[in-house]
Amino acid sequence: MKGRPTDYVLRVQIKAYIEAGKSNEWICKKTGLPLRTVQHLAMEETPRTPGKAKGKPPAIDTPHKQQLKAFVKRDKLTRRLNFQKLAEHPEVQVLLEQNKIVGR
């Protein structure tokens, strides 16, 4: 069995032997697996439930995004502004100040 992943049935048997209080050496002789494999399975915990995703919330939420999109799509001039000029545009500054996004 060396070199192959331990199949499910064998893993369950090893876990049962461990819970019954058998030594790792005894389990090795019984299953024919290396000692390190048995030790690894003995240390394994049950799989954990994934935790809540962590991260920074978006700087601009949906209503504010919609206002900015409406501004950009308003006319030909605003559609062609690059990000720097868009951020410096007076109307965008007003939107950001109204929504308390300045300084983020």
N, C-alpha and C. Protein backbone atom coordinates (compact mmCIF):
# COMPACT_ATOMS: atom_id res chain seq x y z
N MET A 1 0.81 -1.21 0.00
CA MET A 1 0.00 0.00 0.00
C MET A 1 0.84 1.26 0.00
N LYS A 2 2.13 1.13 0.11
CA LYS A 2 2.99 2.29 0.18
C LYS A 2 2.89 3.10 -1.12
N GLY A 3 2.77 4.42 -0.99
CA GLY A 3 2.71 5.27 -2.16
C GLY A 3 1.30 5.56 -2.63
N ARG A 4 0.30 4.87 -2.07
CA ARG A 4 -1.08 5.12 -2.46
C ARG A 4 -1.81 5.84 -1.34
N PRO A 5 -2.76 6.68 -1.69
CA PRO A 5 -3.53 7.30 -0.62
C PRO A 5 -4.35 6.24 0.11
N THR A 6 -4.52 6.41 1.40
CA THR A 6 -5.27 5.46 2.20
C THR A 6 -6.73 5.57 1.83
N ASP A 7 -7.34 4.44 1.49
CA ASP A 7 -8.74 4.48 1.08
C ASP A 7 -9.65 4.65 2.29
N TYR A 8 -10.88 4.98 2.03
CA TYR A 8 -11.83 5.36 3.07
C TYR A 8 -12.05 4.24 4.09
N VAL A 9 -12.24 3.01 3.63
CA VAL A 9 -12.53 1.90 4.54
C VAL A 9 -11.36 1.69 5.50
N LEU A 10 -10.16 1.73 4.98
CA LEU A 10 -8.99 1.55 5.82
C LEU A 10 -8.85 2.70 6.82
N ARG A 11 -9.15 3.89 6.39
CA ARG A 11 -9.10 5.04 7.30
C ARG A 11 -10.09 4.86 8.45
N VAL A 12 -11.29 4.38 8.12
CA VAL A 12 -12.30 4.16 9.15
C VAL A 12 -11.84 3.09 10.12
N GLN A 13 -11.23 2.03 9.60
CA GLN A 13 -10.71 0.95 10.46
C GLN A 13 -9.63 1.49 11.41
N ILE A 14 -8.73 2.28 10.86
CA ILE A 14 -7.65 2.84 11.68
C ILE A 14 -8.23 3.75 12.76
N LYS A 15 -9.19 4.57 12.40
CA LYS A 15 -9.83 5.44 13.39
C LYS A 15 -10.50 4.61 14.49
N ALA A 16 -11.13 3.51 14.10
CA ALA A 16 -11.78 2.64 15.09
C ALA A 16 -10.74 2.01 16.02
N TYR A 17 -9.60 1.57 15.46
CA TYR A 17 -8.53 1.01 16.29
C TYR A 17 -7.99 2.05 17.27
N ILE A 18 -7.86 3.29 16.79
CA ILE A 18 -7.35 4.37 17.64
C ILE A 18 -8.32 4.64 18.79
N GLU A 19 -9.61 4.69 18.46
CA GLU A 19 -10.62 4.93 19.50
C GLU A 19 -10.70 3.78 20.48
N ALA A 20 -10.36 2.56 20.02
CA ALA A 20 -10.36 1.39 20.90
C ALA A 20 -9.13 1.37 21.81
N GLY A 21 -8.19 2.29 21.57
CA GLY A 21 -7.02 2.39 22.44
C GLY A 21 -5.83 1.57 21.98
N LYS A 22 -5.85 1.07 20.75
CA LYS A 22 -4.72 0.29 20.24
C LYS A 22 -3.54 1.22 19.96
N SER A 23 -2.33 0.70 20.10
CA SER A 23 -1.14 1.51 19.85
C SER A 23 -0.91 1.68 18.35
N ASN A 24 -0.19 2.74 18.00
CA ASN A 24 0.11 2.98 16.59
C ASN A 24 0.93 1.84 16.00
N GLU A 25 1.85 1.29 16.77
CA GLU A 25 2.67 0.17 16.28
C GLU A 25 1.80 -1.05 15.99
N TRP A 26 0.85 -1.32 16.87
CA TRP A 26 -0.06 -2.47 16.67
C TRP A 26 -0.87 -2.27 15.39
N ILE A 27 -1.36 -1.03 15.19
CA ILE A 27 -2.15 -0.73 13.99
C ILE A 27 -1.30 -0.90 12.74
N CYS A 28 0.00 -0.51 12.80
CA CYS A 28 0.91 -0.69 11.66
C CYS A 28 1.03 -2.15 11.27
N LYS A 29 1.24 -3.00 12.29
CA LYS A 29 1.37 -4.43 12.01
C LYS A 29 0.08 -5.01 11.43
N LYS A 30 -1.05 -4.56 11.95
CA LYS A 30 -2.35 -5.08 11.51
C LYS A 30 -2.70 -4.63 10.08
N THR A 31 -2.38 -3.38 9.74
CA THR A 31 -2.79 -2.84 8.43
C THR A 31 -1.69 -2.90 7.38
N GLY A 32 -0.44 -2.97 7.82
CA GLY A 32 0.67 -2.99 6.87
C GLY A 32 1.06 -1.59 6.39
N LEU A 33 0.55 -0.56 7.05
CA LEU A 33 0.89 0.81 6.68
C LEU A 33 2.10 1.29 7.46
N PRO A 34 2.83 2.26 6.92
CA PRO A 34 3.96 2.84 7.66
C PRO A 34 3.49 3.52 8.95
N LEU A 35 4.37 3.57 9.93
CA LEU A 35 4.06 4.18 11.22
C LEU A 35 3.65 5.64 11.05
N ARG A 36 4.34 6.37 10.20
CA ARG A 36 4.04 7.79 10.02
C ARG A 36 2.63 8.00 9.48
N THR A 37 2.16 7.12 8.61
CA THR A 37 0.80 7.23 8.07
C THR A 37 -0.22 7.07 9.19
N VAL A 38 0.01 6.08 10.04
CA VAL A 38 -0.90 5.84 11.15
C VAL A 38 -0.86 7.01 12.13
N GLN A 39 0.33 7.53 12.39
CA GLN A 39 0.45 8.69 13.28
C GLN A 39 -0.30 9.89 12.71
N HIS A 40 -0.16 10.07 11.42
CA HIS A 40 -0.84 11.19 10.76
C HIS A 40 -2.36 11.04 10.90
N LEU A 41 -2.87 9.84 10.68
CA LEU A 41 -4.31 9.61 10.80
C LEU A 41 -4.76 9.75 12.26
N ALA A 42 -3.89 9.40 13.19
CA ALA A 42 -4.24 9.53 14.61
C ALA A 42 -4.35 11.00 15.02
N MET A 43 -3.55 11.85 14.41
CA MET A 43 -3.56 13.27 14.75
C MET A 43 -4.65 14.04 14.02
N GLU A 44 -5.20 13.46 12.96
CA GLU A 44 -6.20 14.14 12.15
C GLU A 44 -7.45 14.44 12.95
N GLU A 45 -7.95 15.63 12.79
CA GLU A 45 -9.22 16.00 13.40
C GLU A 45 -10.30 15.88 12.35
N THR A 46 -11.53 15.95 12.79
CA THR A 46 -12.62 15.94 11.83
C THR A 46 -12.55 17.22 11.00
N PRO A 47 -12.97 17.19 9.76
CA PRO A 47 -12.90 18.38 8.92
C PRO A 47 -13.70 19.52 9.55
N ARG A 48 -13.14 20.71 9.48
CA ARG A 48 -13.80 21.87 10.05
C ARG A 48 -14.70 22.53 9.02
N THR A 49 -15.74 23.15 9.53
CA THR A 49 -16.61 23.92 8.66
C THR A 49 -15.87 25.20 8.27
N PRO A 50 -15.87 25.55 7.00
CA PRO A 50 -15.16 26.76 6.61
C PRO A 50 -15.70 27.98 7.36
N GLY A 51 -14.80 28.85 7.75
CA GLY A 51 -15.20 30.06 8.46
C GLY A 51 -15.73 31.12 7.52
N LYS A 52 -16.20 32.17 8.12
CA LYS A 52 -16.71 33.29 7.33
C LYS A 52 -15.57 33.92 6.55
N ALA A 53 -15.83 34.27 5.33
CA ALA A 53 -14.81 34.91 4.50
C ALA A 53 -14.44 36.26 5.10
N LYS A 54 -13.16 36.51 5.18
CA LYS A 54 -12.69 37.76 5.76
C LYS A 54 -12.24 38.69 4.64
N GLY A 55 -12.30 39.93 4.92
CA GLY A 55 -11.84 40.90 3.93
C GLY A 55 -12.47 42.25 4.19
N LYS A 56 -11.97 43.19 3.49
CA LYS A 56 -12.44 44.55 3.64
C LYS A 56 -13.72 44.73 2.83
N PRO A 57 -14.75 45.36 3.40
CA PRO A 57 -15.96 45.59 2.62
C PRO A 57 -15.68 46.57 1.50
N PRO A 58 -16.46 46.52 0.45
CA PRO A 58 -16.22 47.44 -0.67
C PRO A 58 -16.32 48.90 -0.22
N ALA A 59 -15.47 49.74 -0.80
CA ALA A 59 -15.43 51.16 -0.43
C ALA A 59 -16.71 51.87 -0.86
N ILE A 60 -17.27 51.44 -1.96
CA ILE A 60 -18.48 52.09 -2.49
C ILE A 60 -19.55 51.02 -2.63
N ASP A 61 -20.67 51.18 -1.92
CA ASP A 61 -21.72 50.18 -2.03
C ASP A 61 -22.60 50.44 -3.25
N THR A 62 -23.58 49.58 -3.46
CA THR A 62 -24.36 49.58 -4.69
C THR A 62 -25.05 50.91 -5.02
N PRO A 63 -25.75 51.57 -4.10
CA PRO A 63 -26.41 52.83 -4.49
C PRO A 63 -25.40 53.89 -4.97
N HIS A 64 -24.23 53.93 -4.30
CA HIS A 64 -23.22 54.91 -4.71
C HIS A 64 -22.61 54.55 -6.05
N LYS A 65 -22.43 53.25 -6.28
CA LYS A 65 -21.92 52.81 -7.59
C LYS A 65 -22.89 53.22 -8.69
N GLN A 66 -24.17 53.05 -8.42
CA GLN A 66 -25.18 53.39 -9.43
C GLN A 66 -25.15 54.89 -9.74
N GLN A 67 -24.95 55.71 -8.71
CA GLN A 67 -24.86 57.16 -8.95
C GLN A 67 -23.64 57.48 -9.80
N LEU A 68 -22.51 56.86 -9.49
CA LEU A 68 -21.30 57.13 -10.29
C LEU A 68 -21.45 56.63 -11.72
N LYS A 69 -22.07 55.47 -11.89
CA LYS A 69 -22.28 54.94 -13.24
C LYS A 69 -23.19 55.87 -14.04
N ALA A 70 -24.23 56.36 -13.39
CA ALA A 70 -25.15 57.28 -14.08
C ALA A 70 -24.42 58.55 -14.50
N PHE A 71 -23.54 59.03 -13.63
CA PHE A 71 -22.78 60.23 -13.97
C PHE A 71 -21.86 59.97 -15.17
N VAL A 72 -21.16 58.85 -15.15
CA VAL A 72 -20.22 58.54 -16.23
C VAL A 72 -20.94 58.32 -17.55
N LYS A 73 -22.09 57.68 -17.52
CA LYS A 73 -22.83 57.37 -18.75
C LYS A 73 -23.65 58.56 -19.26
N ARG A 74 -23.63 59.66 -18.50
CA ARG A 74 -24.49 60.79 -18.83
C ARG A 74 -24.22 61.38 -20.20
N ASP A 75 -22.96 61.60 -20.54
CA ASP A 75 -22.67 62.18 -21.85
C ASP A 75 -21.29 61.73 -22.35
N LYS A 76 -20.99 62.18 -23.56
CA LYS A 76 -19.77 61.78 -24.25
C LYS A 76 -18.51 62.19 -23.48
N LEU A 77 -18.52 63.38 -22.91
CA LEU A 77 -17.36 63.91 -22.20
C LEU A 77 -17.03 63.07 -20.96
N THR A 78 -18.04 62.77 -20.17
CA THR A 78 -17.78 62.02 -18.93
C THR A 78 -17.41 60.56 -19.21
N ARG A 79 -17.92 60.00 -20.31
CA ARG A 79 -17.55 58.62 -20.66
C ARG A 79 -16.08 58.50 -21.01
N ARG A 80 -15.48 59.57 -21.50
CA ARG A 80 -14.09 59.51 -21.96
C ARG A 80 -13.07 60.00 -20.93
N LEU A 81 -13.51 60.32 -19.73
CA LEU A 81 -12.58 60.77 -18.69
C LEU A 81 -11.77 59.57 -18.17
N ASN A 82 -10.48 59.78 -17.94
CA ASN A 82 -9.71 58.70 -17.31
C ASN A 82 -10.00 58.72 -15.81
N PHE A 83 -9.52 57.71 -15.09
CA PHE A 83 -9.84 57.59 -13.67
C PHE A 83 -9.38 58.80 -12.86
N GLN A 84 -8.20 59.30 -13.15
CA GLN A 84 -7.66 60.43 -12.39
C GLN A 84 -8.55 61.67 -12.57
N LYS A 85 -8.89 61.97 -13.82
CA LYS A 85 -9.72 63.15 -14.08
C LYS A 85 -11.14 62.95 -13.55
N LEU A 86 -11.62 61.70 -13.61
CA LEU A 86 -12.95 61.39 -13.08
C LEU A 86 -12.98 61.64 -11.57
N ALA A 87 -11.93 61.19 -10.87
CA ALA A 87 -11.86 61.38 -9.41
C ALA A 87 -11.76 62.86 -9.05
N GLU A 88 -11.15 63.65 -9.92
CA GLU A 88 -10.97 65.08 -9.64
C GLU A 88 -12.15 65.93 -10.10
N HIS A 89 -13.08 65.35 -10.85
CA HIS A 89 -14.22 66.10 -11.39
C HIS A 89 -15.06 66.64 -10.24
N PRO A 90 -15.48 67.93 -10.32
CA PRO A 90 -16.23 68.55 -9.21
C PRO A 90 -17.53 67.82 -8.86
N GLU A 91 -18.26 67.33 -9.86
CA GLU A 91 -19.52 66.64 -9.58
C GLU A 91 -19.28 65.32 -8.85
N VAL A 92 -18.21 64.63 -9.19
CA VAL A 92 -17.88 63.38 -8.51
C VAL A 92 -17.46 63.68 -7.07
N GLN A 93 -16.72 64.78 -6.88
CA GLN A 93 -16.33 65.17 -5.52
C GLN A 93 -17.55 65.42 -4.66
N VAL A 94 -18.57 66.07 -5.23
CA VAL A 94 -19.80 66.33 -4.49
C VAL A 94 -20.48 65.02 -4.12
N LEU A 95 -20.56 64.10 -5.08
CA LEU A 95 -21.16 62.78 -4.81
C LEU A 95 -20.42 62.07 -3.67
N LEU A 96 -19.10 62.11 -3.72
CA LEU A 96 -18.31 61.43 -2.70
C LEU A 96 -18.50 62.08 -1.33
N GLU A 97 -18.57 63.40 -1.29
CA GLU A 97 -18.76 64.11 -0.02
C GLU A 97 -20.15 63.83 0.55
N GLN A 98 -21.16 63.79 -0.32
CA GLN A 98 -22.54 63.51 0.12
C GLN A 98 -22.63 62.12 0.74
N ASN A 99 -21.88 61.17 0.17
CA ASN A 99 -21.95 59.79 0.63
C ASN A 99 -20.86 59.45 1.64
N LYS A 100 -20.13 60.48 2.09
CA LYS A 100 -19.08 60.33 3.11
C LYS A 100 -18.04 59.29 2.72
N ILE A 101 -17.55 59.36 1.49
CA ILE A 101 -16.56 58.43 0.99
C ILE A 101 -15.20 59.11 0.88
N VAL A 102 -15.12 60.37 1.13
CA VAL A 102 -13.87 61.12 0.98
C VAL A 102 -12.88 60.62 2.02
N GLY A 103 -11.63 60.42 1.59
CA GLY A 103 -10.55 60.04 2.51
C GLY A 103 -10.39 58.56 2.70
N ARG A 104 -11.10 57.73 1.99
CA ARG A 104 -10.96 56.27 2.12
C ARG A 104 -9.79 55.78 1.36
